[in-house]
Amino acid sequence: MIWVSALGFLSAFGLREFGFGPHRAGFAPPLATMRAYAIGLELPLPPVTFWGMSLEDHLGDIIRKARAMSNVSARAAARAAGLTEAELAALEESGHAMKKPNLGALAELVGLDPGKLEAIASGWLPSEKDLSAWRELRCITTTAGGMAVNCYLVWDEVSREAALFDTGWFEGPVAMTLAHDQLQLRHIFITHAHEDHVAALGELRKLFPKVRLHSGLKGGPVDQRNRLNDFIHLGSLRITHRDTPGHAEDGTTYIIGNWPDDAPHIAIVGDALFAGSIGRGNQSWDLARQKVREQILTLPPETLLCPGHGPLTTVAEEKAHNPFF
């Protein structure tokens, strides 16, 4: 199986990912420029990198998740796929198989859509997104221990008030972007409290002590909890939320509307949904799928979906191509 990477995914539409950890091929600006962006903070700043597009979950990840979701043994799955258990284990680990498995029979057994799973195996990717309609949006990706995670910064073009959705591993890239675009951080919205999504929260709150925190964490301070039918105005933008537990008990999807020029809504979905896959059902697989189906895939087809890992996608693309639905 050959996995196709659409090179220039981010550079094609003018976004920069700030990569931490091992270097990837890309462009590095002068360190002095990076430090200027960091509003004078002496931070360990890495090179800016441009990454190609690939799915967060390869074919094997999807099969492994579906087996866990359906409580299907490796022995039964291997038999359906026409593989040995060792060959199935290698497929789940790497996304590659030495011989063509019977994906149709395997998909039926583990509760996936056979045609959509075949498309994943053939290299399906979401289309490259033209983000010019959302000029006030930045995707910032940080990496630690080999794990890359996305956070998202949006702002009102007139007031320059900004909101951050999750924090990523490090505060530096967010601070640099705020300073570079002359933004005032007013809100931090948390999709769920797993470490990779909130690792920089403490440092960001030190840098911006007046920022208001929002989350679905039931045990959090009352003034930080999302409430039913709450909405937040960020200048002309309107931010609402929907509960999307399953991957995490506090899982929350934030929907941003009222964009200039009637651009489609954006949904920040955390790990509830990835392009072509879903997050692990740590709380409940059934609940995870139910909430994605009810709270995310019911949004208008053109809604831009911004996952916590992997590339951006849309409601229409996920309804047409995600094998879990």
C-alpha atoms as a PDB file:
ATOM      1  CA  MET A   1       0.000   0.000   0.000  1.00  0.00           C
ATOM      2  CA  ILE A   2       1.274   3.431  -0.882  1.00  0.00           C
ATOM      3  CA  TRP A   3       0.366   6.412   1.248  1.00  0.00           C
ATOM      4  CA  VAL A   4       0.080   9.644  -0.708  1.00  0.00           C
ATOM      5  CA  SER A   5       1.180  12.891   0.922  1.00  0.00           C
ATOM      6  CA  ALA A   6      -0.069  16.205  -0.472  1.00  0.00           C
ATOM      7  CA  LEU A   7       3.106  18.244  -0.050  1.00  0.00           C
ATOM      8  CA  GLY A   8       2.753  21.869   0.808  1.00  0.00           C
ATOM      9  CA  PHE A   9      -0.510  21.355   2.711  1.00  0.00           C
ATOM     10  CA  LEU A  10       0.039  24.350   4.952  1.00  0.00           C
ATOM     11  CA  SER A  11       2.256  26.486   2.758  1.00  0.00           C
ATOM     12  CA  ALA A  12      -0.362  26.271   0.009  1.00  0.00           C
ATOM     13  CA  PHE A  13      -2.736  28.399   2.032  1.00  0.00           C
ATOM     14  CA  GLY A  14      -0.354  30.550   3.971  1.00  0.00           C
ATOM     15  CA  LEU A  15      -0.367  28.907   7.401  1.00  0.00           C
ATOM     16  CA  ARG A  16       2.781  28.097   9.325  1.00  0.00           C
ATOM     17  CA  GLU A  17       3.102  25.247  11.776  1.00  0.00           C
ATOM     18  CA  PHE A  18       5.577  25.822  14.547  1.00  0.00           C
ATOM     19  CA  GLY A  19       7.263  22.427  14.933  1.00  0.00           C
ATOM     20  CA  PHE A  20       8.972  21.367  18.133  1.00  0.00           C
ATOM     21  CA  GLY A  21      11.149  18.311  18.657  1.00  0.00           C
ATOM     22  CA  PRO A  22      13.129  16.677  15.818  1.00  0.00           C
ATOM     23  CA  HIS A  23      13.588  18.904  12.777  1.00  0.00           C
ATOM     24  CA  ARG A  24      11.535  18.258   9.672  1.00  0.00           C
ATOM     25  CA  ALA A  25      12.397  19.552   6.236  1.00  0.00           C
ATOM     26  CA  GLY A  26      11.237  23.132   5.957  1.00  0.00           C
ATOM     27  CA  PHE A  27      12.112  26.769   6.322  1.00  0.00           C
ATOM     28  CA  ALA A  28      13.680  28.331   9.381  1.00  0.00           C
ATOM     29  CA  PRO A  29      13.614  32.140   9.798  1.00  0.00           C
ATOM     30  CA  PRO A  30      16.410  33.924  11.618  1.00  0.00           C
ATOM     31  CA  LEU A  31      16.444  33.255  15.340  1.00  0.00           C
ATOM     32  CA  ALA A  32      16.398  36.987  16.021  1.00  0.00           C
ATOM     33  CA  THR A  33      13.115  37.266  14.129  1.00  0.00           C
ATOM     34  CA  MET A  34      11.663  34.410  16.159  1.00  0.00           C
ATOM     35  CA  ARG A  35      12.690  36.095  19.391  1.00  0.00           C
ATOM     36  CA  ALA A  36      11.111  39.356  18.242  1.00  0.00           C
ATOM     37  CA  TYR A  37       7.856  37.498  17.648  1.00  0.00           C
ATOM     38  CA  ALA A  38       8.113  36.166  21.193  1.00  0.00           C
ATOM     39  CA  ILE A  39       7.475  39.676  22.563  1.00  0.00           C
ATOM     40  CA  GLY A  40      10.852  39.752  24.266  1.00  0.00           C
ATOM     41  CA  LEU A  41      10.436  36.441  26.061  1.00  0.00           C
ATOM     42  CA  GLU A  42      13.565  34.318  26.329  1.00  0.00           C
ATOM     43  CA  LEU A  43      11.932  31.099  25.098  1.00  0.00           C
ATOM     44  CA  PRO A  44      13.564  28.045  23.479  1.00  0.00           C
ATOM     45  CA  LEU A  45      12.181  28.753  20.024  1.00  0.00           C
ATOM     46  CA  PRO A  46      12.382  26.175  17.214  1.00  0.00           C
ATOM     47  CA  PRO A  47      12.408  26.620  13.455  1.00  0.00           C
ATOM     48  CA  VAL A  48       9.148  27.179  11.617  1.00  0.00           C
ATOM     49  CA  THR A  49       8.348  24.160   9.480  1.00  0.00           C
ATOM     50  CA  PHE A  50       6.019  23.377   6.603  1.00  0.00           C
ATOM     51  CA  TRP A  51       4.587  19.873   6.701  1.00  0.00           C
ATOM     52  CA  GLY A  52       2.873  17.704   4.103  1.00  0.00           C
ATOM     53  CA  MET A  53      -0.626  16.405   4.688  1.00  0.00           C
ATOM     54  CA  SER A  54      -1.301  12.916   5.987  1.00  0.00           C
ATOM     55  CA  LEU A  55      -4.107  11.404   8.026  1.00  0.00           C
ATOM     56  CA  GLU A  56      -3.771  11.201  11.791  1.00  0.00           C
ATOM     57  CA  ASP A  57      -4.823   7.525  11.687  1.00  0.00           C
ATOM     58  CA  HIS A  58      -3.480   5.180   9.024  1.00  0.00           C
ATOM     59  CA  LEU A  59      -5.418   2.122   7.858  1.00  0.00           C
ATOM     60  CA  GLY A  60      -4.076  -0.056  10.671  1.00  0.00           C
ATOM     61  CA  ASP A  61      -5.019   2.489  13.354  1.00  0.00           C
ATOM     62  CA  ILE A  62      -8.571   2.576  12.008  1.00  0.00           C
ATOM     63  CA  ILE A  63      -8.855  -1.225  11.978  1.00  0.00           C
ATOM     64  CA  ARG A  64      -7.436  -1.506  15.503  1.00  0.00           C
ATOM     65  CA  LYS A  65      -9.866   1.121  16.817  1.00  0.00           C
ATOM     66  CA  ALA A  66     -12.796  -0.552  15.089  1.00  0.00           C
ATOM     67  CA  ARG A  67     -11.844  -3.937  16.582  1.00  0.00           C
ATOM     68  CA  ALA A  68     -11.761  -2.405  20.047  1.00  0.00           C
ATOM     69  CA  MET A  69     -15.057  -0.630  19.393  1.00  0.00           C
ATOM     70  CA  SER A  70     -16.723  -3.860  18.258  1.00  0.00           C
ATOM     71  CA  ASN A  71     -14.946  -6.157  20.752  1.00  0.00           C
ATOM     72  CA  VAL A  72     -13.711  -8.394  17.920  1.00  0.00           C
ATOM     73  CA  SER A  73     -10.730 -10.648  18.615  1.00  0.00           C
ATOM     74  CA  ALA A  74      -7.560 -10.489  16.534  1.00  0.00           C
ATOM     75  CA  ARG A  75      -8.132 -14.108  15.568  1.00  0.00           C
ATOM     76  CA  ALA A  76     -11.627 -13.423  14.182  1.00  0.00           C
ATOM     77  CA  ALA A  77     -10.502 -10.253  12.416  1.00  0.00           C
ATOM     78  CA  ALA A  78      -7.519 -11.985  10.816  1.00  0.00           C
ATOM     79  CA  ARG A  79      -9.728 -14.800   9.572  1.00  0.00           C
ATOM     80  CA  ALA A  80     -12.177 -12.335   7.993  1.00  0.00           C
ATOM     81  CA  ALA A  81      -9.329 -10.412   6.341  1.00  0.00           C
ATOM     82  CA  GLY A  82      -7.669 -13.562   5.004  1.00  0.00           C
ATOM     83  CA  LEU A  83      -4.524 -12.881   7.041  1.00  0.00           C
ATOM     84  CA  THR A  84      -2.613 -14.627   9.771  1.00  0.00           C
ATOM     85  CA  GLU A  85      -2.754 -13.035  13.198  1.00  0.00           C
ATOM     86  CA  ALA A  86       0.861 -11.931  12.731  1.00  0.00           C
ATOM     87  CA  GLU A  87      -0.002 -10.307   9.395  1.00  0.00           C
ATOM     88  CA  LEU A  88      -2.979  -8.517  10.968  1.00  0.00           C
ATOM     89  CA  ALA A  89      -0.768  -7.280  13.810  1.00  0.00           C
ATOM     90  CA  ALA A  90       1.735  -5.907  11.288  1.00  0.00           C
ATOM     91  CA  LEU A  91      -1.067  -4.191   9.362  1.00  0.00           C
ATOM     92  CA  GLU A  92      -2.478  -2.594  12.498  1.00  0.00           C
ATOM     93  CA  GLU A  93       0.972  -1.429  13.580  1.00  0.00           C
ATOM     94  CA  SER A  94       2.203   0.027  10.297  1.00  0.00           C
ATOM     95  CA  GLY A  95      -0.793   0.505   8.017  1.00  0.00           C
ATOM     96  CA  HIS A  96       0.894  -1.752   5.456  1.00  0.00           C
ATOM     97  CA  ALA A  97       0.221  -5.362   4.451  1.00  0.00           C
ATOM     98  CA  MET A  98       2.407  -7.748   2.485  1.00  0.00           C
ATOM     99  CA  LYS A  99      -0.664  -9.122   0.711  1.00  0.00           C
ATOM    100  CA  LYS A 100      -4.025  -7.575  -0.036  1.00  0.00           C
ATOM    101  CA  PRO A 101      -6.451  -8.199   2.826  1.00  0.00           C
ATOM    102  CA  ASN A 102     -10.166  -8.719   2.360  1.00  0.00           C
ATOM    103  CA  LEU A 103     -11.075  -5.290   3.674  1.00  0.00           C
ATOM    104  CA  GLY A 104     -14.739  -5.651   2.783  1.00  0.00           C
ATOM    105  CA  ALA A 105     -15.255  -8.690   5.007  1.00  0.00           C
ATOM    106  CA  LEU A 106     -13.112  -7.190   7.763  1.00  0.00           C
ATOM    107  CA  ALA A 107     -15.049  -3.911   7.663  1.00  0.00           C
ATOM    108  CA  GLU A 108     -18.368  -5.712   7.954  1.00  0.00           C
ATOM    109  CA  LEU A 109     -17.110  -7.640  10.981  1.00  0.00           C
ATOM    110  CA  VAL A 110     -15.793  -4.619  12.904  1.00  0.00           C
ATOM    111  CA  GLY A 111     -18.574  -2.157  12.075  1.00  0.00           C
ATOM    112  CA  LEU A 112     -16.915  -0.018   9.413  1.00  0.00           C
ATOM    113  CA  ASP A 113     -18.213   1.048   6.017  1.00  0.00           C
ATOM    114  CA  PRO A 114     -16.452  -1.251   3.501  1.00  0.00           C
ATOM    115  CA  GLY A 115     -16.303   1.243   0.623  1.00  0.00           C
ATOM    116  CA  LYS A 116     -14.970   4.027   2.796  1.00  0.00           C
ATOM    117  CA  LEU A 117     -12.345   1.739   4.321  1.00  0.00           C
ATOM    118  CA  GLU A 118     -11.209   0.713   0.835  1.00  0.00           C
ATOM    119  CA  ALA A 119     -10.891   4.405  -0.052  1.00  0.00           C
ATOM    120  CA  ILE A 120      -8.681   4.990   2.994  1.00  0.00           C
ATOM    121  CA  ALA A 121      -6.498   2.071   1.910  1.00  0.00           C
ATOM    122  CA  SER A 122      -6.250   3.593  -1.575  1.00  0.00           C
ATOM    123  CA  GLY A 123      -4.891   6.854  -0.168  1.00  0.00           C
ATOM    124  CA  TRP A 124      -7.949   9.082   0.373  1.00  0.00           C
ATOM    125  CA  LEU A 125      -7.154  12.471   1.895  1.00  0.00           C
ATOM    126  CA  PRO A 126      -9.388  15.453   2.569  1.00  0.00           C
ATOM    127  CA  SER A 127      -9.060  18.194  -0.017  1.00  0.00           C
ATOM    128  CA  GLU A 128      -6.534  20.948   0.555  1.00  0.00           C
ATOM    129  CA  LYS A 129      -8.368  23.822   2.179  1.00  0.00           C
ATOM    130  CA  ASP A 130      -8.359  27.381   0.878  1.00  0.00           C
ATOM    131  CA  LEU A 131      -8.429  29.254   4.178  1.00  0.00           C
ATOM    132  CA  SER A 132      -8.526  32.706   2.620  1.00  0.00           C
ATOM    133  CA  ALA A 133     -12.194  32.886   3.621  1.00  0.00           C
ATOM    134  CA  TRP A 134     -11.098  32.714   7.275  1.00  0.00           C
ATOM    135  CA  ARG A 135      -8.305  35.267   7.390  1.00  0.00           C
ATOM    136  CA  GLU A 136      -8.559  35.474  11.177  1.00  0.00           C
ATOM    137  CA  LEU A 137      -7.730  31.806  11.803  1.00  0.00           C
ATOM    138  CA  ARG A 138      -4.394  30.176  12.595  1.00  0.00           C
ATOM    139  CA  CYS A 139      -3.653  26.501  13.173  1.00  0.00           C
ATOM    140  CA  ILE A 140      -0.611  26.107  15.423  1.00  0.00           C
ATOM    141  CA  THR A 141       0.897  22.628  15.752  1.00  0.00           C
ATOM    142  CA  THR A 142       3.439  21.701  18.409  1.00  0.00           C
ATOM    143  CA  THR A 143       5.199  18.370  18.870  1.00  0.00           C
ATOM    144  CA  ALA A 144       6.637  16.645  21.936  1.00  0.00           C
ATOM    145  CA  GLY A 145       7.718  13.039  22.284  1.00  0.00           C
ATOM    146  CA  GLY A 146       6.747  12.377  18.690  1.00  0.00           C
ATOM    147  CA  MET A 147       3.143  13.514  19.217  1.00  0.00           C
ATOM    148  CA  ALA A 148       1.894  16.494  17.217  1.00  0.00           C
ATOM    149  CA  VAL A 149      -1.196  18.357  18.417  1.00  0.00           C
ATOM    150  CA  ASN A 150      -3.148  21.235  16.883  1.00  0.00           C
ATOM    151  CA  CYS A 151      -4.485  24.287  18.645  1.00  0.00           C
ATOM    152  CA  TYR A 152      -6.380  27.089  16.937  1.00  0.00           C
ATOM    153  CA  LEU A 153      -6.301  30.863  17.305  1.00  0.00           C
ATOM    154  CA  VAL A 154      -9.146  33.043  16.009  1.00  0.00           C
ATOM    155  CA  TRP A 155      -9.805  36.740  16.374  1.00  0.00           C
ATOM    156  CA  ASP A 156     -12.098  39.585  15.409  1.00  0.00           C
ATOM    157  CA  GLU A 157     -10.573  41.638  12.625  1.00  0.00           C
ATOM    158  CA  VAL A 158     -11.793  44.979  14.042  1.00  0.00           C
ATOM    159  CA  SER A 159     -11.354  44.689  17.811  1.00  0.00           C
ATOM    160  CA  ARG A 160      -8.279  42.379  17.540  1.00  0.00           C
ATOM    161  CA  GLU A 161      -9.689  40.352  20.445  1.00  0.00           C
ATOM    162  CA  ALA A 162      -8.575  36.726  20.199  1.00  0.00           C
ATOM    163  CA  ALA A 163      -9.619  33.300  21.461  1.00  0.00           C
ATOM    164  CA  LEU A 164      -7.419  30.214  21.682  1.00  0.00           C
ATOM    165  CA  PHE A 165      -8.850  26.706  21.380  1.00  0.00           C
ATOM    166  CA  ASP A 166      -6.648  24.259  23.303  1.00  0.00           C
ATOM    167  CA  THR A 167      -3.026  25.189  23.994  1.00  0.00           C
ATOM    168  CA  GLY A 168      -0.752  22.549  22.487  1.00  0.00           C
ATOM    169  CA  TRP A 169       2.469  21.526  24.184  1.00  0.00           C
ATOM    170  CA  PHE A 170       4.214  24.922  24.398  1.00  0.00           C
ATOM    171  CA  GLU A 171       3.154  28.535  24.889  1.00  0.00           C
ATOM    172  CA  GLY A 172       5.845  30.098  22.665  1.00  0.00           C
ATOM    173  CA  PRO A 173       4.145  29.799  19.253  1.00  0.00           C
ATOM    174  CA  VAL A 174       0.877  31.206  20.607  1.00  0.00           C
ATOM    175  CA  ALA A 175       2.649  34.144  22.248  1.00  0.00           C
ATOM    176  CA  MET A 176       4.571  34.808  19.033  1.00  0.00           C
ATOM    177  CA  THR A 177       1.436  34.778  16.894  1.00  0.00           C
ATOM    178  CA  LEU A 178      -0.446  37.081  19.260  1.00  0.00           C
ATOM    179  CA  ALA A 179       2.437  39.556  19.257  1.00  0.00           C
ATOM    180  CA  HIS A 180       3.012  39.374  15.510  1.00  0.00           C
ATOM    181  CA  ASP A 181      -0.658  40.002  14.680  1.00  0.00           C
ATOM    182  CA  GLN A 182      -1.113  42.520  17.509  1.00  0.00           C
ATOM    183  CA  LEU A 183      -3.893  40.561  19.189  1.00  0.00           C
ATOM    184  CA  GLN A 184      -5.345  40.630  22.693  1.00  0.00           C
ATOM    185  CA  LEU A 185      -6.022  37.149  24.082  1.00  0.00           C
ATOM    186  CA  ARG A 186      -9.398  37.215  25.858  1.00  0.00           C
ATOM    187  CA  HIS A 187     -10.506  33.580  25.993  1.00  0.00           C
ATOM    188  CA  ILE A 188      -9.082  30.052  26.123  1.00  0.00           C
ATOM    189  CA  PHE A 189     -11.503  27.253  25.228  1.00  0.00           C
ATOM    190  CA  ILE A 190     -10.562  23.663  26.096  1.00  0.00           C
ATOM    191  CA  THR A 191     -11.960  20.785  24.013  1.00  0.00           C
ATOM    192  CA  HIS A 192     -10.877  18.227  26.646  1.00  0.00           C
ATOM    193  CA  ALA A 193      -8.320  18.078  29.403  1.00  0.00           C
ATOM    194  CA  HIS A 194      -5.882  15.465  28.031  1.00  0.00           C
ATOM    195  CA  GLU A 195      -2.287  16.534  28.560  1.00  0.00           C
ATOM    196  CA  ASP A 196      -1.362  17.277  24.948  1.00  0.00           C
ATOM    197  CA  HIS A 197      -4.271  19.718  24.646  1.00  0.00           C
ATOM    198  CA  VAL A 198      -3.664  21.664  27.869  1.00  0.00           C
ATOM    199  CA  ALA A 199       0.086  21.329  28.488  1.00  0.00           C
ATOM    200  CA  ALA A 200       0.757  25.043  27.940  1.00  0.00           C
ATOM    201  CA  LEU A 201      -2.284  26.279  29.874  1.00  0.00           C
ATOM    202  CA  GLY A 202      -0.407  27.186  33.044  1.00  0.00           C
ATOM    203  CA  GLU A 203       2.246  29.206  31.242  1.00  0.00           C
ATOM    204  CA  LEU A 204      -0.305  30.980  29.061  1.00  0.00           C
ATOM    205  CA  ARG A 205      -2.317  31.999  32.096  1.00  0.00           C
ATOM    206  CA  LYS A 206       0.848  33.427  33.634  1.00  0.00           C
ATOM    207  CA  LEU A 207       1.491  35.448  30.471  1.00  0.00           C
ATOM    208  CA  PHE A 208      -2.160  36.526  30.154  1.00  0.00           C
ATOM    209  CA  PRO A 209      -3.585  36.538  33.697  1.00  0.00           C
ATOM    210  CA  LYS A 210      -6.885  38.178  32.675  1.00  0.00           C
ATOM    211  CA  VAL A 211      -7.761  35.540  30.091  1.00  0.00           C
ATOM    212  CA  ARG A 212     -11.088  33.783  30.656  1.00  0.00           C
ATOM    213  CA  LEU A 213     -11.078  29.976  30.644  1.00  0.00           C
ATOM    214  CA  HIS A 214     -13.914  27.804  29.288  1.00  0.00           C
ATOM    215  CA  SER A 215     -14.200  24.002  29.491  1.00  0.00           C
ATOM    216  CA  GLY A 216     -16.607  21.112  29.845  1.00  0.00           C
ATOM    217  CA  LEU A 217     -14.852  19.850  32.959  1.00  0.00           C
ATOM    218  CA  LYS A 218     -17.638  19.111  35.433  1.00  0.00           C
ATOM    219  CA  GLY A 219     -15.382  19.450  38.458  1.00  0.00           C
ATOM    220  CA  GLY A 220     -13.809  22.727  37.359  1.00  0.00           C
ATOM    221  CA  PRO A 221     -14.491  26.118  38.926  1.00  0.00           C
ATOM    222  CA  VAL A 222     -18.055  27.244  38.288  1.00  0.00           C
ATOM    223  CA  ASP A 223     -16.998  30.367  36.413  1.00  0.00           C
ATOM    224  CA  GLN A 224     -14.949  28.256  33.958  1.00  0.00           C
ATOM    225  CA  ARG A 225     -17.573  25.641  33.083  1.00  0.00           C
ATOM    226  CA  ASN A 226     -19.505  25.737  29.845  1.00  0.00           C
ATOM    227  CA  ARG A 227     -23.193  26.156  30.522  1.00  0.00           C
ATOM    228  CA  LEU A 228     -26.143  25.031  28.427  1.00  0.00           C
ATOM    229  CA  ASN A 229     -27.002  27.556  25.693  1.00  0.00           C
ATOM    230  CA  ASP A 230     -23.997  29.733  26.554  1.00  0.00           C
ATOM    231  CA  PHE A 231     -22.503  31.796  23.775  1.00  0.00           C
ATOM    232  CA  ILE A 232     -19.551  34.168  23.655  1.00  0.00           C
ATOM    233  CA  HIS A 233     -19.144  37.168  21.366  1.00  0.00           C
ATOM    234  CA  LEU A 234     -15.636  37.837  20.137  1.00  0.00           C
ATOM    235  CA  GLY A 235     -16.228  41.103  18.321  1.00  0.00           C
ATOM    236  CA  SER A 236     -18.614  40.074  15.566  1.00  0.00           C
ATOM    237  CA  LEU A 237     -17.806  36.365  15.901  1.00  0.00           C
ATOM    238  CA  ARG A 238     -20.182  34.148  17.876  1.00  0.00           C
ATOM    239  CA  ILE A 239     -18.883  31.084  19.722  1.00  0.00           C
ATOM    240  CA  THR A 240     -21.197  28.302  20.895  1.00  0.00           C
ATOM    241  CA  HIS A 241     -20.494  24.795  22.132  1.00  0.00           C
ATOM    242  CA  ARG A 242     -21.837  21.247  21.941  1.00  0.00           C
ATOM    243  CA  ASP A 243     -21.005  18.411  24.308  1.00  0.00           C
ATOM    244  CA  THR A 244     -19.114  15.629  22.504  1.00  0.00           C
ATOM    245  CA  PRO A 245     -17.991  13.130  25.180  1.00  0.00           C
ATOM    246  CA  GLY A 246     -16.886   9.582  24.445  1.00  0.00           C
ATOM    247  CA  HIS A 247     -13.184  10.120  23.875  1.00  0.00           C
ATOM    248  CA  ALA A 248     -13.139  12.156  27.083  1.00  0.00           C
ATOM    249  CA  GLU A 249     -15.863  12.851  29.623  1.00  0.00           C
ATOM    250  CA  ASP A 250     -15.419  16.607  29.202  1.00  0.00           C
ATOM    251  CA  GLY A 251     -15.238  16.476  25.402  1.00  0.00           C
ATOM    252  CA  THR A 252     -16.556  19.676  23.850  1.00  0.00           C
ATOM    253  CA  THR A 253     -16.894  20.963  20.293  1.00  0.00           C
ATOM    254  CA  TYR A 254     -16.838  24.735  19.797  1.00  0.00           C
ATOM    255  CA  ILE A 255     -18.593  26.297  16.822  1.00  0.00           C
ATOM    256  CA  ILE A 256     -17.538  29.698  15.525  1.00  0.00           C
ATOM    257  CA  GLY A 257     -19.941  31.620  13.309  1.00  0.00           C
ATOM    258  CA  ASN A 258     -20.652  35.108  11.941  1.00  0.00           C
ATOM    259  CA  TRP A 259     -17.435  35.208   9.927  1.00  0.00           C
ATOM    260  CA  PRO A 260     -16.819  38.148   7.579  1.00  0.00           C
ATOM    261  CA  ASP A 261     -18.170  37.689   4.044  1.00  0.00           C
ATOM    262  CA  ASP A 262     -20.477  34.892   5.264  1.00  0.00           C
ATOM    263  CA  ALA A 263     -17.696  32.298   5.403  1.00  0.00           C
ATOM    264  CA  PRO A 264     -18.939  28.895   6.637  1.00  0.00           C
ATOM    265  CA  HIS A 265     -18.895  28.025  10.309  1.00  0.00           C
ATOM    266  CA  ILE A 266     -15.817  26.450  11.873  1.00  0.00           C
ATOM    267  CA  ALA A 267     -16.068  23.616  14.402  1.00  0.00           C
ATOM    268  CA  ILE A 268     -13.134  22.951  16.740  1.00  0.00           C
ATOM    269  CA  VAL A 269     -13.715  19.267  17.476  1.00  0.00           C
ATOM    270  CA  GLY A 270     -10.725  18.229  19.596  1.00  0.00           C
ATOM    271  CA  ASP A 271     -10.247  14.457  19.444  1.00  0.00           C
ATOM    272  CA  ALA A 272     -13.913  13.615  18.891  1.00  0.00           C
ATOM    273  CA  LEU A 273     -13.252  13.300  15.160  1.00  0.00           C
ATOM    274  CA  PHE A 274     -10.243  13.105  12.847  1.00  0.00           C
ATOM    275  CA  ALA A 275     -10.185  13.201   9.065  1.00  0.00           C
ATOM    276  CA  GLY A 276     -11.209   9.646   8.178  1.00  0.00           C
ATOM    277  CA  SER A 277     -11.322   8.406  11.776  1.00  0.00           C
ATOM    278  CA  ILE A 278     -12.325   9.138  15.374  1.00  0.00           C
ATOM    279  CA  GLY A 279     -10.520   9.444  18.688  1.00  0.00           C
ATOM    280  CA  ARG A 280     -10.242   6.424  20.985  1.00  0.00           C
ATOM    281  CA  GLY A 281     -13.403   5.651  22.933  1.00  0.00           C
ATOM    282  CA  ASN A 282     -11.697   6.039  26.298  1.00  0.00           C
ATOM    283  CA  GLN A 283     -15.019   6.746  27.974  1.00  0.00           C
ATOM    284  CA  SER A 284     -17.332   4.879  25.580  1.00  0.00           C
ATOM    285  CA  TRP A 285     -17.028   3.923  21.905  1.00  0.00           C
ATOM    286  CA  ASP A 286     -20.797   3.940  21.442  1.00  0.00           C
ATOM    287  CA  LEU A 287     -21.118   7.363  23.035  1.00  0.00           C
ATOM    288  CA  ALA A 288     -18.205   8.719  20.999  1.00  0.00           C
ATOM    289  CA  ARG A 289     -19.802   7.712  17.686  1.00  0.00           C
ATOM    290  CA  GLN A 290     -23.254   8.806  18.774  1.00  0.00           C
ATOM    291  CA  LYS A 291     -22.100  12.298  19.735  1.00  0.00           C
ATOM    292  CA  VAL A 292     -20.114  12.783  16.524  1.00  0.00           C
ATOM    293  CA  ARG A 293     -23.132  11.684  14.515  1.00  0.00           C
ATOM    294  CA  GLU A 294     -25.569  13.903  16.455  1.00  0.00           C
ATOM    295  CA  GLN A 295     -23.492  16.961  17.299  1.00  0.00           C
ATOM    296  CA  ILE A 296     -20.892  17.292  14.528  1.00  0.00           C
ATOM    297  CA  LEU A 297     -22.142  15.596  11.369  1.00  0.00           C
ATOM    298  CA  THR A 298     -25.482  17.423  11.662  1.00  0.00           C
ATOM    299  CA  LEU A 299     -23.716  20.752  11.065  1.00  0.00           C
ATOM    300  CA  PRO A 300     -23.981  22.257   7.558  1.00  0.00           C
ATOM    301  CA  PRO A 301     -21.944  20.260   4.989  1.00  0.00           C
ATOM    302  CA  GLU A 302     -19.540  23.121   4.297  1.00  0.00           C
ATOM    303  CA  THR A 303     -18.591  23.513   7.982  1.00  0.00           C
ATOM    304  CA  LEU A 304     -14.805  23.460   8.390  1.00  0.00           C
ATOM    305  CA  LEU A 305     -13.797  20.830  10.963  1.00  0.00           C
ATOM    306  CA  CYS A 306     -10.616  21.534  12.930  1.00  0.00           C
ATOM    307  CA  PRO A 307      -9.397  18.384  14.740  1.00  0.00           C
ATOM    308  CA  GLY A 308      -6.886  18.162  17.539  1.00  0.00           C
ATOM    309  CA  HIS A 309      -4.623  16.021  15.341  1.00  0.00           C
ATOM    310  CA  GLY A 310      -4.153  15.668  11.605  1.00  0.00           C
ATOM    311  CA  PRO A 311      -5.496  17.732   8.707  1.00  0.00           C
ATOM    312  CA  LEU A 312      -8.550  19.938   8.482  1.00  0.00           C
ATOM    313  CA  THR A 313     -11.645  18.477   6.872  1.00  0.00           C
ATOM    314  CA  THR A 314     -15.354  19.277   6.404  1.00  0.00           C
ATOM    315  CA  VAL A 315     -18.662  17.776   7.447  1.00  0.00           C
ATOM    316  CA  ALA A 316     -19.365  16.810   3.840  1.00  0.00           C
ATOM    317  CA  GLU A 317     -16.032  15.017   3.477  1.00  0.00           C
ATOM    318  CA  GLU A 318     -16.445  13.066   6.700  1.00  0.00           C
ATOM    319  CA  LYS A 319     -19.988  11.986   5.878  1.00  0.00           C
ATOM    320  CA  ALA A 320     -18.770  10.784   2.488  1.00  0.00           C
ATOM    321  CA  HIS A 321     -15.436   9.221   3.494  1.00  0.00           C
ATOM    322  CA  ASN A 322     -15.182   8.426   7.232  1.00  0.00           C
ATOM    323  CA  PRO A 323     -15.573   4.628   7.574  1.00  0.00           C
ATOM    324  CA  PHE A 324     -16.907   4.910  11.147  1.00  0.00           C
ATOM    325  CA  PHE A 325     -20.101   6.576   9.817  1.00  0.00           C
END
